Structures are given as structure tokens and as C-alpha cells.
Amino acid sequence: MLGQSSIVKSTLFLISFLLVSIVSSFCDFIFEKVLSKNWPLQHQEYVRPHKRANPAKYLFITFLKNKY
């Protein structure tokens, strides 16, 4: 009985993980296709810094450009 409950728990965890990844991908798709058309490019880069190679460096350089 104890072995079955751990299998059920791990299966539920995997199913919930898959659901979260599917919802996350769907939200990504919605953002890319629908919302990004209405925003200027600069705001997209602030909202989605993880798509860049080094987001911290990019944000720092952008901050310096805007400030000075």
C-alpha cells in the first residue's frame, strides 16, 4: 500500500508539472503573438529579459543609456 501511494504522488507531480509547462508555453505564445504587437520593442526586452544571452548586462547597459 505504501509503494502505491508514492507512485500516485509521483504521477500527480509529473502531471501537474506537465500542466504547468503547457500553460506557461501557452502564455508565452499569447504574449509573443498578441501583446508584443501593441508594445514597442524596448518594453518587450524589459519584460522578457530571459530571451537575451545576458539579461543583467543588457539591463545595466540600457539603464546607463537611458540615464546618461
PDB file of N, CA and C in Angstrom:
ATOM      1  N   MET A   1       0.831  -1.208   0.000  1.00  0.00           N
ATOM      2  CA  MET A   1       0.000   0.000   0.000  1.00  0.00           C
ATOM      3  C   MET A   1       0.871   1.266   0.000  1.00  0.00           C
ATOM      4  N   LEU A   2       1.972   1.202   0.757  1.00  0.00           N
ATOM      5  CA  LEU A   2       2.845   2.375   0.842  1.00  0.00           C
ATOM      6  C   LEU A   2       3.505   2.665  -0.505  1.00  0.00           C
ATOM      7  N   GLY A   3       3.887   1.631  -1.233  1.00  0.00           N
ATOM      8  CA  GLY A   3       4.508   1.806  -2.538  1.00  0.00           C
ATOM      9  C   GLY A   3       3.550   2.423  -3.544  1.00  0.00           C
ATOM     10  N   GLN A   4       2.291   2.043  -3.477  1.00  0.00           N
ATOM     11  CA  GLN A   4       1.308   2.581  -4.416  1.00  0.00           C
ATOM     12  C   GLN A   4       1.078   4.064  -4.184  1.00  0.00           C
ATOM     13  N   SER A   5       1.067   4.496  -2.925  1.00  0.00           N
ATOM     14  CA  SER A   5       0.818   5.912  -2.662  1.00  0.00           C
ATOM     15  C   SER A   5       1.973   6.773  -3.175  1.00  0.00           C
ATOM     16  N   SER A   6       3.201   6.265  -3.072  1.00  0.00           N
ATOM     17  CA  SER A   6       4.327   7.048  -3.588  1.00  0.00           C
ATOM     18  C   SER A   6       4.279   7.112  -5.113  1.00  0.00           C
ATOM     19  N   ILE A   7       3.822   6.047  -5.747  1.00  0.00           N
ATOM     20  CA  ILE A   7       3.682   6.057  -7.208  1.00  0.00           C
ATOM     21  C   ILE A   7       2.605   7.061  -7.619  1.00  0.00           C
ATOM     22  N   VAL A   8       1.496   7.079  -6.872  1.00  0.00           N
ATOM     23  CA  VAL A   8       0.413   8.021  -7.168  1.00  0.00           C
ATOM     24  C   VAL A   8       0.903   9.455  -6.979  1.00  0.00           C
ATOM     25  N   LYS A   9       1.650   9.697  -5.895  1.00  0.00           N
ATOM     26  CA  LYS A   9       2.155  11.048  -5.646  1.00  0.00           C
ATOM     27  C   LYS A   9       3.112  11.491  -6.751  1.00  0.00           C
ATOM     28  N   SER A  10       4.007  10.600  -7.156  1.00  0.00           N
ATOM     29  CA  SER A  10       4.952  10.989  -8.210  1.00  0.00           C
ATOM     30  C   SER A  10       4.239  11.187  -9.541  1.00  0.00           C
ATOM     31  N   THR A  11       3.210  10.380  -9.812  1.00  0.00           N
ATOM     32  CA  THR A  11       2.445  10.552 -11.049  1.00  0.00           C
ATOM     33  C   THR A  11       1.701  11.885 -11.033  1.00  0.00           C
ATOM     34  N   LEU A  12       1.093  12.217  -9.901  1.00  0.00           N
ATOM     35  CA  LEU A  12       0.396  13.501  -9.793  1.00  0.00           C
ATOM     36  C   LEU A  12       1.360  14.669  -9.950  1.00  0.00           C
ATOM     37  N   PHE A  13       2.566  14.509  -9.385  1.00  0.00           N
ATOM     38  CA  PHE A  13       3.569  15.565  -9.528  1.00  0.00           C
ATOM     39  C   PHE A  13       3.950  15.738 -10.993  1.00  0.00           C
ATOM     40  N   LEU A  14       4.168  14.644 -11.701  1.00  0.00           N
ATOM     41  CA  LEU A  14       4.529  14.736 -13.120  1.00  0.00           C
ATOM     42  C   LEU A  14       3.408  15.353 -13.948  1.00  0.00           C
ATOM     43  N   ILE A  15       2.175  14.965 -13.658  1.00  0.00           N
ATOM     44  CA  ILE A  15       1.030  15.524 -14.389  1.00  0.00           C
ATOM     45  C   ILE A  15       0.916  17.017 -14.120  1.00  0.00           C
ATOM     46  N   SER A  16       1.079  17.432 -12.855  1.00  0.00           N
ATOM     47  CA  SER A  16       0.980  18.866 -12.544  1.00  0.00           C
ATOM     48  C   SER A  16       2.130  19.633 -13.183  1.00  0.00           C
ATOM     49  N   PHE A  17       3.322  19.033 -13.212  1.00  0.00           N
ATOM     50  CA  PHE A  17       4.461  19.684 -13.860  1.00  0.00           C
ATOM     51  C   PHE A  17       4.203  19.871 -15.356  1.00  0.00           C
ATOM     52  N   LEU A  18       3.659  18.859 -15.993  1.00  0.00           N
ATOM     53  CA  LEU A  18       3.341  18.961 -17.419  1.00  0.00           C
ATOM     54  C   LEU A  18       2.278  20.021 -17.672  1.00  0.00           C
ATOM     55  N   LEU A  19       1.261  20.065 -16.818  1.00  0.00           N
ATOM     56  CA  LEU A  19       0.217  21.081 -16.982  1.00  0.00           C
ATOM     57  C   LEU A  19       0.787  22.493 -16.831  1.00  0.00           C
ATOM     58  N   VAL A  20       1.663  22.678 -15.851  1.00  0.00           N
ATOM     59  CA  VAL A  20       2.268  23.996 -15.651  1.00  0.00           C
ATOM     60  C   VAL A  20       3.113  24.367 -16.862  1.00  0.00           C
ATOM     61  N   SER A  21       3.883  23.410 -17.407  1.00  0.00           N
ATOM     62  CA  SER A  21       4.690  23.752 -18.579  1.00  0.00           C
ATOM     63  C   SER A  21       3.833  24.055 -19.792  1.00  0.00           C
ATOM     64  N   ILE A  22       2.721  23.349 -19.955  1.00  0.00           N
ATOM     65  CA  ILE A  22       1.837  23.623 -21.091  1.00  0.00           C
ATOM     66  C   ILE A  22       1.214  25.008 -20.956  1.00  0.00           C
ATOM     67  N   VAL A  23       0.745  25.342 -19.752  1.00  0.00           N
ATOM     68  CA  VAL A  23       0.140  26.664 -19.532  1.00  0.00           C
ATOM     69  C   VAL A  23       1.183  27.758 -19.729  1.00  0.00           C
ATOM     70  N   SER A  24       2.401  27.513 -19.257  1.00  0.00           N
ATOM     71  CA  SER A  24       3.469  28.501 -19.421  1.00  0.00           C
ATOM     72  C   SER A  24       3.798  28.713 -20.896  1.00  0.00           C
ATOM     73  N   SER A  25       3.864  27.640 -21.651  1.00  0.00           N
ATOM     74  CA  SER A  25       4.134  27.767 -23.084  1.00  0.00           C
ATOM     75  C   SER A  25       2.998  28.498 -23.792  1.00  0.00           C
ATOM     76  N   PHE A  26       1.781  28.222 -23.385  1.00  0.00           N
ATOM     77  CA  PHE A  26       0.635  28.897 -23.983  1.00  0.00           C
ATOM     78  C   PHE A  26       0.671  30.391 -23.695  1.00  0.00           C
ATOM     79  N   CYS A  27       0.999  30.752 -22.448  1.00  0.00           N
ATOM     80  CA  CYS A  27       1.096  32.170 -22.092  1.00  0.00           C
ATOM     81  C   CYS A  27       2.228  32.840 -22.864  1.00  0.00           C
ATOM     82  N   ASP A  28       3.340  32.134 -23.039  1.00  0.00           N
ATOM     83  CA  ASP A  28       4.436  32.640 -23.852  1.00  0.00           C
ATOM     84  C   ASP A  28       3.970  32.926 -25.271  1.00  0.00           C
ATOM     85  N   PHE A  29       3.233  31.988 -25.823  1.00  0.00           N
ATOM     86  CA  PHE A  29       2.726  32.131 -27.182  1.00  0.00           C
ATOM     87  C   PHE A  29       1.797  33.342 -27.287  1.00  0.00           C
ATOM     88  N   ILE A  30       0.897  33.466 -26.315  1.00  0.00           N
ATOM     89  CA  ILE A  30      -0.041  34.602 -26.323  1.00  0.00           C
ATOM     90  C   ILE A  30       0.728  35.913 -26.242  1.00  0.00           C
ATOM     91  N   PHE A  31       1.727  35.961 -25.367  1.00  0.00           N
ATOM     92  CA  PHE A  31       2.497  37.202 -25.234  1.00  0.00           C
ATOM     93  C   PHE A  31       3.209  37.539 -26.535  1.00  0.00           C
ATOM     94  N   GLU A  32       3.855  36.539 -27.132  1.00  0.00           N
ATOM     95  CA  GLU A  32       4.630  36.791 -28.344  1.00  0.00           C
ATOM     96  C   GLU A  32       3.743  37.238 -29.502  1.00  0.00           C
ATOM     97  N   LYS A  33       2.615  36.584 -29.684  1.00  0.00           N
ATOM     98  CA  LYS A  33       1.803  36.824 -30.878  1.00  0.00           C
ATOM     99  C   LYS A  33       0.832  37.988 -30.727  1.00  0.00           C
ATOM    100  N   VAL A  34       0.270  38.154 -29.544  1.00  0.00           N
ATOM    101  CA  VAL A  34      -0.806  39.135 -29.389  1.00  0.00           C
ATOM    102  C   VAL A  34      -0.308  40.426 -28.741  1.00  0.00           C
ATOM    103  N   LEU A  35       0.289  40.303 -27.572  1.00  0.00           N
ATOM    104  CA  LEU A  35       0.629  41.511 -26.831  1.00  0.00           C
ATOM    105  C   LEU A  35       1.826  42.247 -27.399  1.00  0.00           C
ATOM    106  N   SER A  36       2.780  41.516 -27.987  1.00  0.00           N
ATOM    107  CA  SER A  36       4.001  42.177 -28.440  1.00  0.00           C
ATOM    108  C   SER A  36       3.746  43.109 -29.618  1.00  0.00           C
ATOM    109  N   LYS A  37       2.654  42.933 -30.344  1.00  0.00           N
ATOM    110  CA  LYS A  37       2.369  43.818 -31.475  1.00  0.00           C
ATOM    111  C   LYS A  37       1.980  45.215 -31.004  1.00  0.00           C
ATOM    112  N   ASN A  38       1.457  45.318 -29.795  1.00  0.00           N
ATOM    113  CA  ASN A  38       0.990  46.609 -29.292  1.00  0.00           C
ATOM    114  C   ASN A  38       2.051  47.355 -28.493  1.00  0.00           C
ATOM    115  N   TRP A  39       3.147  46.683 -28.156  1.00  0.00           N
ATOM    116  CA  TRP A  39       4.173  47.313 -27.330  1.00  0.00           C
ATOM    117  C   TRP A  39       5.379  47.641 -28.173  1.00  0.00           C
ATOM    118  N   PRO A  40       6.084  48.740 -27.858  1.00  0.00           N
ATOM    119  CA  PRO A  40       7.363  48.989 -28.536  1.00  0.00           C
ATOM    120  C   PRO A  40       8.397  47.942 -28.120  1.00  0.00           C
ATOM    121  N   LEU A  41       9.428  47.821 -28.931  1.00  0.00           N
ATOM    122  CA  LEU A  41      10.429  46.772 -28.717  1.00  0.00           C
ATOM    123  C   LEU A  41      11.120  46.905 -27.364  1.00  0.00           C
ATOM    124  N   GLN A  42      11.344  48.127 -26.923  1.00  0.00           N
ATOM    125  CA  GLN A  42      12.069  48.329 -25.669  1.00  0.00           C
ATOM    126  C   GLN A  42      11.322  47.680 -24.500  1.00  0.00           C
ATOM    127  N   HIS A  43       9.999  47.800 -24.461  1.00  0.00           N
ATOM    128  CA  HIS A  43       9.240  47.223 -23.356  1.00  0.00           C
ATOM    129  C   HIS A  43       9.257  45.707 -23.411  1.00  0.00           C
ATOM    130  N   GLN A  44       9.248  45.138 -24.595  1.00  0.00           N
ATOM    131  CA  GLN A  44       9.339  43.681 -24.699  1.00  0.00           C
ATOM    132  C   GLN A  44      10.636  43.187 -24.091  1.00  0.00           C
ATOM    133  N   GLU A  45      11.730  43.913 -24.352  1.00  0.00           N
ATOM    134  CA  GLU A  45      13.015  43.460 -23.854  1.00  0.00           C
ATOM    135  C   GLU A  45      13.077  43.582 -22.334  1.00  0.00           C
ATOM    136  N   TYR A  46      12.379  44.563 -21.765  1.00  0.00           N
ATOM    137  CA  TYR A  46      12.349  44.642 -20.312  1.00  0.00           C
ATOM    138  C   TYR A  46      11.512  43.515 -19.721  1.00  0.00           C
ATOM    139  N   VAL A  47      10.403  43.176 -20.369  1.00  0.00           N
ATOM    140  CA  VAL A  47       9.518  42.153 -19.812  1.00  0.00           C
ATOM    141  C   VAL A  47      10.101  40.763 -20.007  1.00  0.00           C
ATOM    142  N   ARG A  48      10.770  40.542 -21.122  1.00  0.00           N
ATOM    143  CA  ARG A  48      11.282  39.220 -21.448  1.00  0.00           C
ATOM    144  C   ARG A  48      12.809  39.189 -21.479  1.00  0.00           C
ATOM    145  N   PRO A  49      13.490  39.536 -20.386  1.00  0.00           N
ATOM    146  CA  PRO A  49      14.951  39.582 -20.463  1.00  0.00           C
ATOM    147  C   PRO A  49      15.585  38.199 -20.579  1.00  0.00           C
ATOM    148  N   HIS A  50      14.861  37.130 -20.200  1.00  0.00           N
ATOM    149  CA  HIS A  50      15.478  35.803 -20.215  1.00  0.00           C
ATOM    150  C   HIS A  50      15.728  35.297 -21.629  1.00  0.00           C
ATOM    151  N   LYS A  51      15.166  35.952 -22.638  1.00  0.00           N
ATOM    152  CA  LYS A  51      15.416  35.534 -24.014  1.00  0.00           C
ATOM    153  C   LYS A  51      16.768  36.042 -24.509  1.00  0.00           C
ATOM    154  N   ARG A  52      17.355  36.973 -23.823  1.00  0.00           N
ATOM    155  CA  ARG A  52      18.653  37.503 -24.246  1.00  0.00           C
ATOM    156  C   ARG A  52      19.773  36.668 -23.635  1.00  0.00           C
ATOM    157  N   ALA A  53      20.964  36.789 -24.183  1.00  0.00           N
ATOM    158  CA  ALA A  53      22.084  35.969 -23.720  1.00  0.00           C
ATOM    159  C   ALA A  53      22.476  36.323 -22.289  1.00  0.00           C
ATOM    160  N   ASN A  54      22.572  37.610 -21.991  1.00  0.00           N
ATOM    161  CA  ASN A  54      22.960  38.037 -20.649  1.00  0.00           C
ATOM    162  C   ASN A  54      22.037  39.167 -20.219  1.00  0.00           C
ATOM    163  N   PRO A  55      20.897  38.835 -19.608  1.00  0.00           N
ATOM    164  CA  PRO A  55      19.903  39.878 -19.301  1.00  0.00           C
ATOM    165  C   PRO A  55      20.405  40.928 -18.318  1.00  0.00           C
ATOM    166  N   ALA A  56      21.230  40.533 -17.338  1.00  0.00           N
ATOM    167  CA  ALA A  56      21.697  41.512 -16.357  1.00  0.00           C
ATOM    168  C   ALA A  56      22.577  42.562 -17.035  1.00  0.00           C
ATOM    169  N   LYS A  57      23.476  42.117 -17.903  1.00  0.00           N
ATOM    170  CA  LYS A  57      24.344  43.053 -18.619  1.00  0.00           C
ATOM    171  C   LYS A  57      23.519  43.950 -19.535  1.00  0.00           C
ATOM    172  N   TYR A  58      22.553  43.364 -20.228  1.00  0.00           N
ATOM    173  CA  TYR A  58      21.718  44.156 -21.136  1.00  0.00           C
ATOM    174  C   TYR A  58      20.931  45.216 -20.366  1.00  0.00           C
ATOM    175  N   LEU A  59      20.312  44.825 -19.245  1.00  0.00           N
ATOM    176  CA  LEU A  59      19.518  45.790 -18.479  1.00  0.00           C
ATOM    177  C   LEU A  59      20.398  46.898 -17.909  1.00  0.00           C
ATOM    178  N   PHE A  60      21.624  46.535 -17.483  1.00  0.00           N
ATOM    179  CA  PHE A  60      22.539  47.541 -16.950  1.00  0.00           C
ATOM    180  C   PHE A  60      22.936  48.536 -18.035  1.00  0.00           C
ATOM    181  N   ILE A  61      23.257  48.028 -19.230  1.00  0.00           N
ATOM    182  CA  ILE A  61      23.642  48.915 -20.328  1.00  0.00           C
ATOM    183  C   ILE A  61      22.467  49.799 -20.735  1.00  0.00           C
ATOM    184  N   THR A  62      21.273  49.223 -20.784  1.00  0.00           N
ATOM    185  CA  THR A  62      20.095  50.004 -21.138  1.00  0.00           C
ATOM    186  C   THR A  62      19.831  51.082 -20.090  1.00  0.00           C
ATOM    187  N   PHE A  63      20.029  50.732 -18.819  1.00  0.00           N
ATOM    188  CA  PHE A  63      19.850  51.705 -17.745  1.00  0.00           C
ATOM    189  C   PHE A  63      20.829  52.863 -17.912  1.00  0.00           C
ATOM    190  N   LEU A  64      22.091  52.548 -18.229  1.00  0.00           N
ATOM    191  CA  LEU A  64      23.084  53.607 -18.414  1.00  0.00           C
ATOM    192  C   LEU A  64      22.750  54.479 -19.621  1.00  0.00           C
ATOM    193  N   LYS A  65      22.286  53.844 -20.703  1.00  0.00           N
ATOM    194  CA  LYS A  65      21.924  54.621 -21.895  1.00  0.00           C
ATOM    195  C   LYS A  65      20.776  55.572 -21.597  1.00  0.00           C
ATOM    196  N   ASN A  66      19.798  55.099 -20.842  1.00  0.00           N
ATOM    197  CA  ASN A  66      18.636  55.936 -20.549  1.00  0.00           C
ATOM    198  C   ASN A  66      18.969  57.037 -19.546  1.00  0.00           C
ATOM    199  N   LYS A  67      19.907  56.750 -18.647  1.00  0.00           N
ATOM    200  CA  LYS A  67      20.208  57.724 -17.609  1.00  0.00           C
ATOM    201  C   LYS A  67      21.143  58.818 -18.118  1.00  0.00           C
ATOM    202  N   TYR A  68      22.105  58.451 -18.957  1.00  0.00           N
ATOM    203  CA  TYR A  68      23.121  59.429 -19.398  1.00  0.00           C
ATOM    204  C   TYR A  68      23.012  59.725 -20.872  1.00  0.00           C
TER     205      TYR A  68
END
